[in-house]
Amino acid sequence: MIRILLLVLFLLFLPFLLLRLVFKVVVALIVLPFAMLALLLGLAVAVVAVLCVLLVPLLPLAFIVFGVWAAVRLLSRPAAAI
């Protein structure tokens, strides 16, 4: 008796369950591109942040190297023109 009642209730609610599934799929297909765009933007920001964290401590060394290079270039004799 209970099984027949459950079967009837299931058949009664089946269209609503299918409609719910259709709405969820449609919403997912609409939202998915925006979610992927946000994911890519977040990854790009994270990569830039990691690069800044790794490269900023090297700036003083880069300034020293640039100063030595500029001094050597200014103080060296020019090459002979042929």
N, C-alpha and C. Protein backbone atom coordinates (compact mmCIF):
# COMPACT_ATOMS: atom_id res chain seq x y z
N MET A 1 0.81 -1.19 0.00
CA MET A 1 0.00 0.00 0.00
C MET A 1 0.87 1.27 0.00
N ILE A 2 1.89 1.25 0.88
CA ILE A 2 2.78 2.42 0.96
C ILE A 2 3.55 2.58 -0.34
N ARG A 3 3.96 1.48 -0.94
CA ARG A 3 4.73 1.58 -2.19
C ARG A 3 3.89 2.20 -3.30
N ILE A 4 2.64 1.87 -3.35
CA ILE A 4 1.78 2.45 -4.38
C ILE A 4 1.61 3.95 -4.13
N LEU A 5 1.46 4.34 -2.88
CA LEU A 5 1.34 5.75 -2.54
C LEU A 5 2.63 6.51 -2.89
N LEU A 6 3.77 5.89 -2.58
CA LEU A 6 5.05 6.53 -2.93
C LEU A 6 5.22 6.64 -4.44
N LEU A 7 4.79 5.64 -5.18
CA LEU A 7 4.88 5.67 -6.64
C LEU A 7 4.00 6.78 -7.20
N VAL A 8 2.81 6.93 -6.66
CA VAL A 8 1.92 7.98 -7.11
C VAL A 8 2.51 9.35 -6.79
N LEU A 9 3.04 9.52 -5.59
CA LEU A 9 3.67 10.79 -5.24
C LEU A 9 4.88 11.08 -6.11
N PHE A 10 5.67 10.06 -6.39
CA PHE A 10 6.83 10.24 -7.26
C PHE A 10 6.39 10.68 -8.65
N LEU A 11 5.36 10.03 -9.18
CA LEU A 11 4.86 10.41 -10.51
C LEU A 11 4.24 11.81 -10.50
N LEU A 12 3.69 12.19 -9.37
CA LEU A 12 3.13 13.53 -9.25
C LEU A 12 4.22 14.59 -9.23
N PHE A 13 5.32 14.32 -8.53
CA PHE A 13 6.40 15.30 -8.39
C PHE A 13 7.46 15.22 -9.49
N LEU A 14 7.43 14.21 -10.32
CA LEU A 14 8.45 14.03 -11.36
C LEU A 14 8.55 15.24 -12.30
N PRO A 15 7.45 15.78 -12.81
CA PRO A 15 7.59 16.95 -13.70
C PRO A 15 8.26 18.14 -13.00
N PHE A 16 7.94 18.32 -11.73
CA PHE A 16 8.55 19.44 -11.00
C PHE A 16 10.05 19.21 -10.78
N LEU A 17 10.42 17.98 -10.52
CA LEU A 17 11.84 17.65 -10.37
C LEU A 17 12.59 17.86 -11.68
N LEU A 18 11.97 17.46 -12.78
CA LEU A 18 12.60 17.68 -14.09
C LEU A 18 12.70 19.17 -14.41
N LEU A 19 11.66 19.92 -14.08
CA LEU A 19 11.70 21.37 -14.30
C LEU A 19 12.79 22.02 -13.46
N ARG A 20 12.95 21.57 -12.23
CA ARG A 20 14.03 22.07 -11.38
C ARG A 20 15.40 21.77 -11.99
N LEU A 21 15.55 20.56 -12.53
CA LEU A 21 16.81 20.20 -13.18
C LEU A 21 17.08 21.09 -14.40
N VAL A 22 16.05 21.34 -15.18
CA VAL A 22 16.22 22.20 -16.37
C VAL A 22 16.62 23.61 -15.95
N PHE A 23 15.99 24.16 -14.92
CA PHE A 23 16.35 25.50 -14.46
C PHE A 23 17.78 25.54 -13.94
N LYS A 24 18.18 24.52 -13.23
CA LYS A 24 19.56 24.50 -12.72
C LYS A 24 20.57 24.44 -13.86
N VAL A 25 20.28 23.65 -14.87
CA VAL A 25 21.20 23.54 -16.02
C VAL A 25 21.27 24.87 -16.77
N VAL A 26 20.13 25.51 -16.97
CA VAL A 26 20.12 26.79 -17.69
C VAL A 26 20.89 27.85 -16.90
N VAL A 27 20.65 27.92 -15.61
CA VAL A 27 21.38 28.90 -14.79
C VAL A 27 22.87 28.60 -14.80
N ALA A 28 23.23 27.33 -14.73
CA ALA A 28 24.66 26.97 -14.75
C ALA A 28 25.29 27.38 -16.08
N LEU A 29 24.58 27.18 -17.17
CA LEU A 29 25.15 27.56 -18.48
C LEU A 29 25.27 29.07 -18.63
N ILE A 30 24.40 29.82 -17.97
CA ILE A 30 24.48 31.27 -18.05
C ILE A 30 25.58 31.79 -17.13
N VAL A 31 25.73 31.22 -15.96
CA VAL A 31 26.68 31.71 -14.96
C VAL A 31 28.10 31.22 -15.22
N LEU A 32 28.24 30.06 -15.84
CA LEU A 32 29.56 29.45 -16.03
C LEU A 32 30.57 30.35 -16.74
N PRO A 33 30.23 31.04 -17.83
CA PRO A 33 31.24 31.92 -18.46
C PRO A 33 31.73 33.03 -17.53
N PHE A 34 30.81 33.60 -16.74
CA PHE A 34 31.22 34.66 -15.81
C PHE A 34 32.11 34.11 -14.71
N ALA A 35 31.81 32.90 -14.26
CA ALA A 35 32.64 32.27 -13.23
C ALA A 35 34.04 31.99 -13.78
N MET A 36 34.12 31.52 -15.01
CA MET A 36 35.43 31.26 -15.61
C MET A 36 36.21 32.56 -15.81
N LEU A 37 35.53 33.62 -16.19
CA LEU A 37 36.19 34.92 -16.35
C LEU A 37 36.74 35.41 -15.01
N ALA A 38 35.95 35.26 -13.96
CA ALA A 38 36.41 35.66 -12.63
C ALA A 38 37.59 34.80 -12.19
N LEU A 39 37.55 33.52 -12.52
CA LEU A 39 38.66 32.63 -12.18
C LEU A 39 39.93 33.04 -12.89
N LEU A 40 39.85 33.33 -14.17
CA LEU A 40 41.04 33.75 -14.92
C LEU A 40 41.57 35.09 -14.42
N LEU A 41 40.67 36.00 -14.10
CA LEU A 41 41.10 37.29 -13.55
C LEU A 41 41.80 37.11 -12.21
N GLY A 42 41.25 36.27 -11.37
CA GLY A 42 41.87 35.99 -10.08
C GLY A 42 43.23 35.34 -10.22
N LEU A 43 43.36 34.42 -11.18
CA LEU A 43 44.66 33.78 -11.41
C LEU A 43 45.68 34.80 -11.92
N ALA A 44 45.25 35.70 -12.79
CA ALA A 44 46.17 36.71 -13.30
C ALA A 44 46.65 37.63 -12.17
N VAL A 45 45.74 38.02 -11.31
CA VAL A 45 46.13 38.87 -10.17
C VAL A 45 47.08 38.12 -9.25
N ALA A 46 46.83 36.85 -9.04
CA ALA A 46 47.70 36.05 -8.17
C ALA A 46 49.10 35.91 -8.78
N VAL A 47 49.19 35.71 -10.09
CA VAL A 47 50.50 35.58 -10.74
C VAL A 47 51.27 36.89 -10.64
N VAL A 48 50.60 38.01 -10.87
CA VAL A 48 51.26 39.32 -10.76
C VAL A 48 51.73 39.55 -9.32
N ALA A 49 50.92 39.18 -8.36
CA ALA A 49 51.30 39.37 -6.96
C ALA A 49 52.52 38.52 -6.60
N VAL A 50 52.55 37.28 -7.05
CA VAL A 50 53.68 36.41 -6.75
C VAL A 50 54.95 36.93 -7.43
N LEU A 51 54.83 37.39 -8.67
CA LEU A 51 56.00 37.95 -9.36
C LEU A 51 56.52 39.20 -8.64
N CYS A 52 55.61 40.04 -8.17
CA CYS A 52 56.05 41.22 -7.42
C CYS A 52 56.75 40.83 -6.13
N VAL A 53 56.20 39.86 -5.44
CA VAL A 53 56.81 39.42 -4.19
C VAL A 53 58.20 38.85 -4.43
N LEU A 54 58.38 38.17 -5.54
CA LEU A 54 59.69 37.56 -5.83
C LEU A 54 60.69 38.56 -6.39
N LEU A 55 60.23 39.55 -7.16
CA LEU A 55 61.15 40.45 -7.85
C LEU A 55 61.47 41.74 -7.09
N VAL A 56 60.59 42.21 -6.24
CA VAL A 56 60.84 43.46 -5.53
C VAL A 56 62.09 43.39 -4.65
N PRO A 57 62.37 42.30 -3.95
CA PRO A 57 63.62 42.26 -3.17
C PRO A 57 64.88 42.31 -4.03
N LEU A 58 64.77 42.01 -5.31
CA LEU A 58 65.93 42.05 -6.19
C LEU A 58 66.19 43.42 -6.80
N LEU A 59 65.30 44.39 -6.56
CA LEU A 59 65.49 45.73 -7.13
C LEU A 59 66.78 46.41 -6.69
N PRO A 60 67.19 46.38 -5.44
CA PRO A 60 68.46 47.02 -5.09
C PRO A 60 69.64 46.41 -5.85
N LEU A 61 69.64 45.12 -5.99
CA LEU A 61 70.71 44.46 -6.76
C LEU A 61 70.67 44.90 -8.22
N ALA A 62 69.49 45.05 -8.78
CA ALA A 62 69.36 45.50 -10.17
C ALA A 62 69.89 46.93 -10.32
N PHE A 63 69.63 47.81 -9.34
CA PHE A 63 70.15 49.18 -9.41
C PHE A 63 71.68 49.19 -9.33
N ILE A 64 72.25 48.35 -8.50
CA ILE A 64 73.72 48.28 -8.40
C ILE A 64 74.31 47.79 -9.72
N VAL A 65 73.72 46.75 -10.28
CA VAL A 65 74.21 46.21 -11.56
C VAL A 65 74.09 47.27 -12.65
N PHE A 66 72.98 48.00 -12.69
CA PHE A 66 72.81 49.04 -13.69
C PHE A 66 73.83 50.15 -13.49
N GLY A 67 74.11 50.52 -12.26
CA GLY A 67 75.11 51.57 -12.01
C GLY A 67 76.49 51.14 -12.46
N VAL A 68 76.88 49.90 -12.18
CA VAL A 68 78.19 49.40 -12.63
C VAL A 68 78.25 49.35 -14.14
N TRP A 69 77.20 48.90 -14.78
CA TRP A 69 77.16 48.83 -16.24
C TRP A 69 77.27 50.23 -16.85
N ALA A 70 76.54 51.20 -16.28
CA ALA A 70 76.59 52.57 -16.81
C ALA A 70 77.98 53.18 -16.60
N ALA A 71 78.59 52.93 -15.45
CA ALA A 71 79.93 53.48 -15.19
C ALA A 71 80.95 52.87 -16.15
N VAL A 72 80.89 51.57 -16.35
CA VAL A 72 81.84 50.92 -17.27
C VAL A 72 81.63 51.43 -18.68
N ARG A 73 80.40 51.63 -19.08
CA ARG A 73 80.13 52.10 -20.43
C ARG A 73 80.62 53.54 -20.62
N LEU A 74 80.45 54.38 -19.61
CA LEU A 74 80.90 55.77 -19.72
C LEU A 74 82.42 55.89 -19.68
N LEU A 75 83.08 55.05 -18.89
CA LEU A 75 84.51 55.17 -18.71
C LEU A 75 85.34 54.40 -19.73
N SER A 76 84.73 53.52 -20.49
CA SER A 76 85.51 52.76 -21.46
C SER A 76 85.71 53.61 -22.72
N ARG A 77 86.80 53.29 -23.41
CA ARG A 77 87.10 54.03 -24.63
C ARG A 77 86.19 53.53 -25.74
N PRO A 78 85.80 54.43 -26.64
CA PRO A 78 84.96 53.97 -27.76
C PRO A 78 85.78 53.10 -28.71
N ALA A 79 85.11 52.20 -29.36
CA ALA A 79 85.77 51.30 -30.31
C ALA A 79 86.20 52.13 -31.54
N ALA A 80 87.29 51.69 -32.15
CA ALA A 80 87.79 52.40 -33.34
C ALA A 80 86.87 52.16 -34.50
N ALA A 81 86.52 53.24 -35.20
CA ALA A 81 85.67 53.11 -36.38
C ALA A 81 86.51 52.69 -37.58
N ILE A 82 86.03 51.73 -38.30
CA ILE A 82 86.80 51.24 -39.45
C ILE A 82 86.28 51.85 -40.73
